[in-house]
Amino acid sequence: MDDYYEKNGSFYCRKDFKKLNSKKCEACKNPIHGDMVSVLDKFFHHRCFHCSVCKSDFTPGIRVIYC
């Protein structure tokens, strides 16, 4: 039998469980698996977390959110 997960009395395959229970990226709205950026209670894929104006990436480790 394949892996399955239970939550609140319902059963899910691995793919659907992760899809339903993963944090969603604030920018692209897709589920986040693995590393993520968390800012002001919002979550982003690393590739989606960039300047809203010029799209420049932010330097890892620098605690500012402007380019």
Protein backbone atom coordinates (compact mmCIF):
# COMPACT_ATOMS: atom_id res chain seq x y z
CA MET A 1 0.00 0.00 0.00
CA ASP A 2 1.27 3.46 -0.85
CA ASP A 3 1.97 6.01 1.84
CA TYR A 4 -1.12 7.69 3.16
CA TYR A 5 -1.85 10.42 5.66
CA GLU A 6 -4.78 11.00 7.98
CA LYS A 7 -6.09 14.34 9.17
CA ASN A 8 -9.38 14.93 10.97
CA GLY A 9 -10.69 11.50 9.99
CA SER A 10 -9.96 11.87 6.26
CA PHE A 11 -7.24 9.97 4.39
CA TYR A 12 -4.97 11.41 1.70
CA CYS A 13 -2.24 10.23 -0.63
CA ARG A 14 1.15 11.91 -0.12
CA LYS A 15 0.73 14.28 -3.09
CA ASP A 16 -2.69 15.59 -2.06
CA PHE A 17 -1.81 15.79 1.63
CA LYS A 18 1.22 17.96 0.86
CA LYS A 19 -0.81 20.06 -1.58
CA LEU A 20 -3.56 20.69 0.99
CA ASN A 21 -1.31 21.19 4.03
CA SER A 22 1.74 23.00 2.68
CA LYS A 23 2.23 26.70 3.17
CA LYS A 24 1.37 28.67 0.03
CA CYS A 25 3.71 31.19 -1.56
CA GLU A 26 2.28 34.70 -1.22
CA ALA A 27 3.60 35.63 -4.68
CA CYS A 28 2.77 32.64 -6.92
CA LYS A 29 0.18 30.92 -4.67
CA ASN A 30 1.78 27.49 -5.21
CA PRO A 31 2.62 25.14 -2.32
CA ILE A 32 6.06 25.55 -0.77
CA HIS A 33 8.13 22.40 -0.23
CA GLY A 34 11.47 22.76 1.52
CA ASP A 35 13.20 26.06 2.19
CA MET A 36 11.15 29.23 2.25
CA VAL A 37 11.34 32.89 3.16
CA SER A 38 9.05 34.07 5.95
CA VAL A 39 8.32 37.80 6.25
CA LEU A 40 5.56 39.42 8.34
CA ASP A 41 3.65 36.11 8.66
CA LYS A 42 3.77 35.56 4.88
CA PHE A 43 5.70 32.82 3.10
CA PHE A 44 7.55 32.84 -0.23
CA HIS A 45 9.65 30.54 -2.39
CA HIS A 46 13.20 31.92 -2.49
CA ARG A 47 12.80 32.48 -6.25
CA CYS A 48 9.59 34.49 -5.69
CA PHE A 49 10.94 36.79 -2.99
CA HIS A 50 12.36 39.79 -4.83
CA CYS A 51 11.86 43.52 -5.24
CA SER A 52 8.33 44.25 -6.43
CA VAL A 53 9.54 47.11 -8.65
CA CYS A 54 12.79 46.01 -10.33
CA LYS A 55 12.63 42.24 -9.56
CA SER A 56 16.17 42.25 -8.08
CA ASP A 57 16.90 39.40 -5.68
CA PHE A 58 17.58 40.27 -2.06
CA THR A 59 20.98 39.38 -0.63
CA PRO A 60 20.69 36.38 1.72
CA GLY A 61 21.38 37.27 5.34
CA ILE A 62 20.80 41.00 4.97
CA ARG A 63 17.76 41.87 7.05
CA VAL A 64 16.28 44.54 4.79
CA ILE A 65 13.48 44.07 2.29
CA TYR A 66 14.37 46.62 -0.34
CA CYS A 67 16.92 46.36 -3.13
